[in-house]
Every structure is written in C-alpha cells, then in structure tokens.
Amino acid sequence: MLAANGSISEVAERLAVSESYVLRAWARQRLGLISAGVQCNHVLPRLTFVCALRSEGLFAPLVVDGPINGRAFRARVEQALAPETSW
C-alpha cells in the first residue's frame, strides 16, 4: 500500500529486498546419450523469477526470459509489489 501522500519512497524505507537466482544448468539433466569423451553442449535458457514473500506465501510473481535490469525491477516494485504490500 502506498503512503498517504502517494509516495513510494516512504514504502521503500520499510521494504527489504533479497536477491537470489537459480540456473537450471546446475541441476542434473537427462539430455540423452552421447559418445564417450564427447561433451554435451546443450544450453538451457536463463530465467529470472521475481516475487514477494509473505507469511501466507508468494505473491506478485513475474518470470522474465533472461536477466532483469534495474529499471525493469524498479517498475515491477512500483507497479505490483508496493501496491499489494500492506503495512
């Protein structure tokens, strides 16, 4: 919820953001059989998952194809996360 004057800066003072990511390449994949000594060069796509966490669970999820930049992250916080956050 935005502050009474509609300013996101007051909400941002009470907002804690933590970053984490997972590359699907870290998980063991069964990509098929290859000859001994040959490297399997299968590249998995990089996905970025952004959401907020409450005691009730996750809310305002977003999946981005590839990495997310600061401008896109700020827009997500202002448009989805901050309005759904109740203090």
N, C-alpha and C. Protein backbone atom coordinates (compact mmCIF):
# COMPACT_ATOMS: atom_id res chain seq x y z
N MET A 1 0.85 -1.17 0.00
CA MET A 1 0.00 0.00 0.00
C MET A 1 0.90 1.24 0.00
N LEU A 2 0.58 2.20 -0.83
CA LEU A 2 1.37 3.42 -0.90
C LEU A 2 1.10 4.28 0.32
N ALA A 3 2.05 5.16 0.58
CA ALA A 3 1.90 6.08 1.70
C ALA A 3 0.72 7.02 1.42
N ALA A 4 0.26 7.72 2.46
CA ALA A 4 -0.90 8.59 2.34
C ALA A 4 -0.71 9.65 1.25
N ASN A 5 0.52 10.13 1.08
CA ASN A 5 0.77 11.14 0.06
C ASN A 5 1.07 10.52 -1.30
N GLY A 6 0.95 9.20 -1.42
CA GLY A 6 1.17 8.52 -2.69
C GLY A 6 2.63 8.30 -3.03
N SER A 7 3.52 8.51 -2.06
CA SER A 7 4.95 8.41 -2.31
C SER A 7 5.44 6.99 -2.07
N ILE A 8 6.16 6.46 -3.04
CA ILE A 8 6.74 5.13 -2.87
C ILE A 8 7.99 5.18 -2.00
N SER A 9 8.59 6.36 -1.84
CA SER A 9 9.82 6.46 -1.05
C SER A 9 9.58 6.08 0.41
N GLU A 10 8.42 6.41 0.96
CA GLU A 10 8.11 6.04 2.34
C GLU A 10 7.92 4.53 2.47
N VAL A 11 7.34 3.91 1.45
CA VAL A 11 7.18 2.46 1.45
C VAL A 11 8.54 1.80 1.32
N ALA A 12 9.39 2.35 0.47
CA ALA A 12 10.72 1.77 0.23
C ALA A 12 11.57 1.76 1.48
N GLU A 13 11.34 2.69 2.40
CA GLU A 13 12.11 2.72 3.64
C GLU A 13 11.84 1.49 4.50
N ARG A 14 10.66 0.89 4.34
CA ARG A 14 10.30 -0.28 5.14
C ARG A 14 10.35 -1.58 4.34
N LEU A 15 10.88 -1.51 3.13
CA LEU A 15 10.91 -2.67 2.25
C LEU A 15 12.30 -3.28 2.25
N ALA A 16 12.38 -4.57 2.48
CA ALA A 16 13.65 -5.29 2.41
C ALA A 16 13.64 -6.16 1.17
N VAL A 17 14.70 -6.09 0.39
CA VAL A 17 14.79 -6.85 -0.85
C VAL A 17 15.98 -7.78 -0.76
N SER A 18 15.76 -9.03 -1.07
CA SER A 18 16.83 -10.01 -1.11
C SER A 18 16.87 -10.61 -2.50
N GLU A 19 18.06 -10.88 -3.00
CA GLU A 19 18.20 -11.39 -4.36
C GLU A 19 18.72 -12.81 -4.34
N SER A 20 18.14 -13.65 -5.14
CA SER A 20 18.67 -15.00 -5.35
C SER A 20 18.26 -15.46 -6.74
N TYR A 21 18.99 -16.42 -7.24
CA TYR A 21 18.67 -16.94 -8.57
C TYR A 21 19.12 -18.38 -8.64
N VAL A 22 18.61 -19.08 -9.61
CA VAL A 22 18.98 -20.47 -9.85
C VAL A 22 19.15 -20.66 -11.34
N LEU A 23 20.25 -21.28 -11.72
CA LEU A 23 20.44 -21.64 -13.12
C LEU A 23 20.02 -23.09 -13.29
N ARG A 24 19.19 -23.35 -14.26
CA ARG A 24 18.72 -24.71 -14.48
C ARG A 24 19.87 -25.64 -14.83
N ALA A 25 20.97 -25.09 -15.32
CA ALA A 25 22.13 -25.91 -15.69
C ALA A 25 22.77 -26.53 -14.45
N TRP A 26 22.49 -26.00 -13.26
CA TRP A 26 23.07 -26.55 -12.04
C TRP A 26 22.44 -27.89 -11.67
N ALA A 27 21.23 -28.13 -12.15
CA ALA A 27 20.54 -29.37 -11.84
C ALA A 27 20.97 -30.46 -12.82
N ARG A 28 20.97 -31.68 -12.36
CA ARG A 28 21.32 -32.79 -13.24
C ARG A 28 20.22 -32.97 -14.28
N GLN A 29 20.63 -33.02 -15.51
CA GLN A 29 19.68 -33.16 -16.62
C GLN A 29 19.89 -34.50 -17.32
N ARG A 30 18.84 -35.08 -17.78
CA ARG A 30 18.93 -36.28 -18.62
C ARG A 30 18.66 -35.82 -20.05
N LEU A 31 19.73 -35.43 -20.72
CA LEU A 31 19.60 -34.83 -22.04
C LEU A 31 19.76 -35.82 -23.17
N GLY A 32 20.04 -37.06 -22.88
CA GLY A 32 20.22 -38.05 -23.93
C GLY A 32 21.59 -38.66 -23.85
N LEU A 33 21.83 -39.62 -24.71
CA LEU A 33 23.09 -40.33 -24.72
C LEU A 33 24.03 -39.72 -25.74
N ILE A 34 25.31 -39.66 -25.40
CA ILE A 34 26.34 -39.20 -26.33
C ILE A 34 27.51 -40.17 -26.26
N SER A 35 28.39 -40.10 -27.23
CA SER A 35 29.56 -40.97 -27.26
C SER A 35 30.49 -40.64 -26.10
N ALA A 36 31.21 -41.64 -25.64
CA ALA A 36 32.16 -41.44 -24.54
C ALA A 36 33.21 -40.41 -24.95
N GLY A 37 33.52 -39.49 -24.05
CA GLY A 37 34.53 -38.48 -24.31
C GLY A 37 34.02 -37.27 -25.07
N VAL A 38 32.74 -37.24 -25.43
CA VAL A 38 32.17 -36.11 -26.16
C VAL A 38 31.34 -35.29 -25.18
N GLN A 39 31.56 -33.99 -25.20
CA GLN A 39 30.83 -33.10 -24.29
C GLN A 39 29.46 -32.77 -24.88
N CYS A 40 28.46 -32.82 -24.05
CA CYS A 40 27.11 -32.46 -24.47
C CYS A 40 26.97 -30.94 -24.31
N ASN A 41 26.76 -30.23 -25.38
CA ASN A 41 26.71 -28.77 -25.36
C ASN A 41 25.28 -28.25 -25.44
N HIS A 42 24.44 -28.72 -24.57
CA HIS A 42 23.06 -28.26 -24.54
C HIS A 42 22.97 -27.09 -23.57
N VAL A 43 22.56 -25.93 -24.07
CA VAL A 43 22.47 -24.73 -23.24
C VAL A 43 21.01 -24.52 -22.84
N LEU A 44 20.78 -24.44 -21.55
CA LEU A 44 19.43 -24.20 -21.05
C LEU A 44 19.17 -22.71 -20.95
N PRO A 45 17.93 -22.28 -21.16
CA PRO A 45 17.64 -20.85 -21.08
C PRO A 45 17.76 -20.33 -19.65
N ARG A 46 18.11 -19.07 -19.52
CA ARG A 46 18.20 -18.43 -18.21
C ARG A 46 16.89 -17.70 -17.95
N LEU A 47 16.27 -18.03 -16.85
CA LEU A 47 15.02 -17.39 -16.46
C LEU A 47 15.22 -16.68 -15.13
N THR A 48 14.60 -15.53 -14.99
CA THR A 48 14.64 -14.79 -13.73
C THR A 48 13.24 -14.78 -13.15
N PHE A 49 13.12 -15.15 -11.88
CA PHE A 49 11.84 -15.20 -11.18
C PHE A 49 11.86 -14.15 -10.09
N VAL A 50 10.91 -13.22 -10.13
CA VAL A 50 10.81 -12.14 -9.14
C VAL A 50 9.45 -12.25 -8.48
N CYS A 51 9.44 -12.23 -7.15
CA CYS A 51 8.18 -12.23 -6.42
C CYS A 51 8.43 -11.71 -5.01
N ALA A 52 7.38 -11.55 -4.27
CA ALA A 52 7.48 -11.14 -2.88
C ALA A 52 7.05 -12.31 -2.00
N LEU A 53 7.54 -12.33 -0.79
CA LEU A 53 7.25 -13.42 0.14
C LEU A 53 6.58 -12.86 1.39
N ARG A 54 5.44 -13.41 1.70
CA ARG A 54 4.74 -13.11 2.95
C ARG A 54 4.66 -14.39 3.75
N SER A 55 4.17 -14.29 4.96
CA SER A 55 4.00 -15.50 5.77
C SER A 55 2.95 -16.42 5.15
N GLU A 56 2.02 -15.87 4.37
CA GLU A 56 1.00 -16.67 3.70
C GLU A 56 1.53 -17.35 2.44
N GLY A 57 2.65 -16.88 1.92
CA GLY A 57 3.21 -17.46 0.70
C GLY A 57 3.71 -16.39 -0.26
N LEU A 58 3.94 -16.80 -1.50
CA LEU A 58 4.45 -15.90 -2.53
C LEU A 58 3.32 -15.07 -3.13
N PHE A 59 3.64 -13.84 -3.53
CA PHE A 59 2.66 -13.04 -4.26
C PHE A 59 3.37 -12.15 -5.26
N ALA A 60 2.62 -11.67 -6.24
CA ALA A 60 3.10 -10.82 -7.33
C ALA A 60 4.27 -11.46 -8.09
N PRO A 61 4.11 -12.70 -8.57
CA PRO A 61 5.21 -13.35 -9.28
C PRO A 61 5.41 -12.80 -10.69
N LEU A 62 6.64 -12.85 -11.15
CA LEU A 62 7.00 -12.44 -12.51
C LEU A 62 8.15 -13.32 -12.98
N VAL A 63 8.03 -13.89 -14.16
CA VAL A 63 9.11 -14.66 -14.77
C VAL A 63 9.57 -13.91 -16.00
N VAL A 64 10.88 -13.64 -16.07
CA VAL A 64 11.48 -12.89 -17.17
C VAL A 64 12.42 -13.82 -17.92
N ASP A 65 12.35 -13.78 -19.25
CA ASP A 65 13.26 -14.57 -20.07
C ASP A 65 14.60 -13.84 -20.13
N GLY A 66 15.59 -14.35 -19.43
CA GLY A 66 16.90 -13.71 -19.36
C GLY A 66 17.05 -12.92 -18.07
N PRO A 67 18.14 -12.17 -17.95
CA PRO A 67 18.36 -11.38 -16.73
C PRO A 67 17.45 -10.16 -16.69
N ILE A 68 17.23 -9.65 -15.49
CA ILE A 68 16.40 -8.46 -15.32
C ILE A 68 17.31 -7.29 -14.98
N ASN A 69 16.99 -6.11 -15.51
CA ASN A 69 17.82 -4.93 -15.21
C ASN A 69 17.16 -4.09 -14.12
N GLY A 70 17.88 -3.11 -13.64
CA GLY A 70 17.40 -2.28 -12.54
C GLY A 70 16.13 -1.52 -12.85
N ARG A 71 16.02 -1.03 -14.08
CA ARG A 71 14.84 -0.26 -14.46
C ARG A 71 13.59 -1.14 -14.47
N ALA A 72 13.72 -2.36 -14.99
CA ALA A 72 12.58 -3.29 -15.02
C ALA A 72 12.21 -3.72 -13.60
N PHE A 73 13.21 -3.94 -12.75
CA PHE A 73 12.94 -4.34 -11.37
C PHE A 73 12.22 -3.23 -10.61
N ARG A 74 12.68 -2.00 -10.78
CA ARG A 74 12.03 -0.87 -10.11
C ARG A 74 10.58 -0.72 -10.56
N ALA A 75 10.35 -0.88 -11.86
CA ALA A 75 8.98 -0.79 -12.38
C ALA A 75 8.10 -1.87 -11.77
N ARG A 76 8.64 -3.08 -11.60
CA ARG A 76 7.87 -4.18 -11.00
C ARG A 76 7.53 -3.87 -9.55
N VAL A 77 8.49 -3.32 -8.83
CA VAL A 77 8.25 -2.96 -7.43
C VAL A 77 7.18 -1.89 -7.33
N GLU A 78 7.27 -0.86 -8.17
CA GLU A 78 6.30 0.24 -8.11
C GLU A 78 4.91 -0.18 -8.57
N GLN A 79 4.82 -1.03 -9.60
CA GLN A 79 3.53 -1.35 -10.19
C GLN A 79 2.83 -2.55 -9.55
N ALA A 80 3.59 -3.49 -8.99
CA ALA A 80 2.95 -4.70 -8.48
C ALA A 80 3.24 -4.97 -7.01
N LEU A 81 4.49 -4.89 -6.61
CA LEU A 81 4.83 -5.27 -5.24
C LEU A 81 4.38 -4.24 -4.21
N ALA A 82 4.68 -2.97 -4.43
CA ALA A 82 4.32 -1.94 -3.45
C ALA A 82 2.80 -1.82 -3.28
N PRO A 83 2.01 -1.79 -4.35
CA PRO A 83 0.56 -1.68 -4.15
C PRO A 83 -0.05 -2.88 -3.40
N GLU A 84 0.53 -4.06 -3.53
CA GLU A 84 -0.02 -5.24 -2.87
C GLU A 84 0.50 -5.42 -1.45
N THR A 85 1.47 -4.62 -1.07
CA THR A 85 2.06 -4.75 0.25
C THR A 85 1.23 -3.96 1.26
N SER A 86 0.79 -4.62 2.29
CA SER A 86 0.05 -3.93 3.35
C SER A 86 0.93 -3.85 4.58
N TRP A 87 1.01 -2.71 5.16
CA TRP A 87 1.88 -2.50 6.32
C TRP A 87 1.01 -2.48 7.53
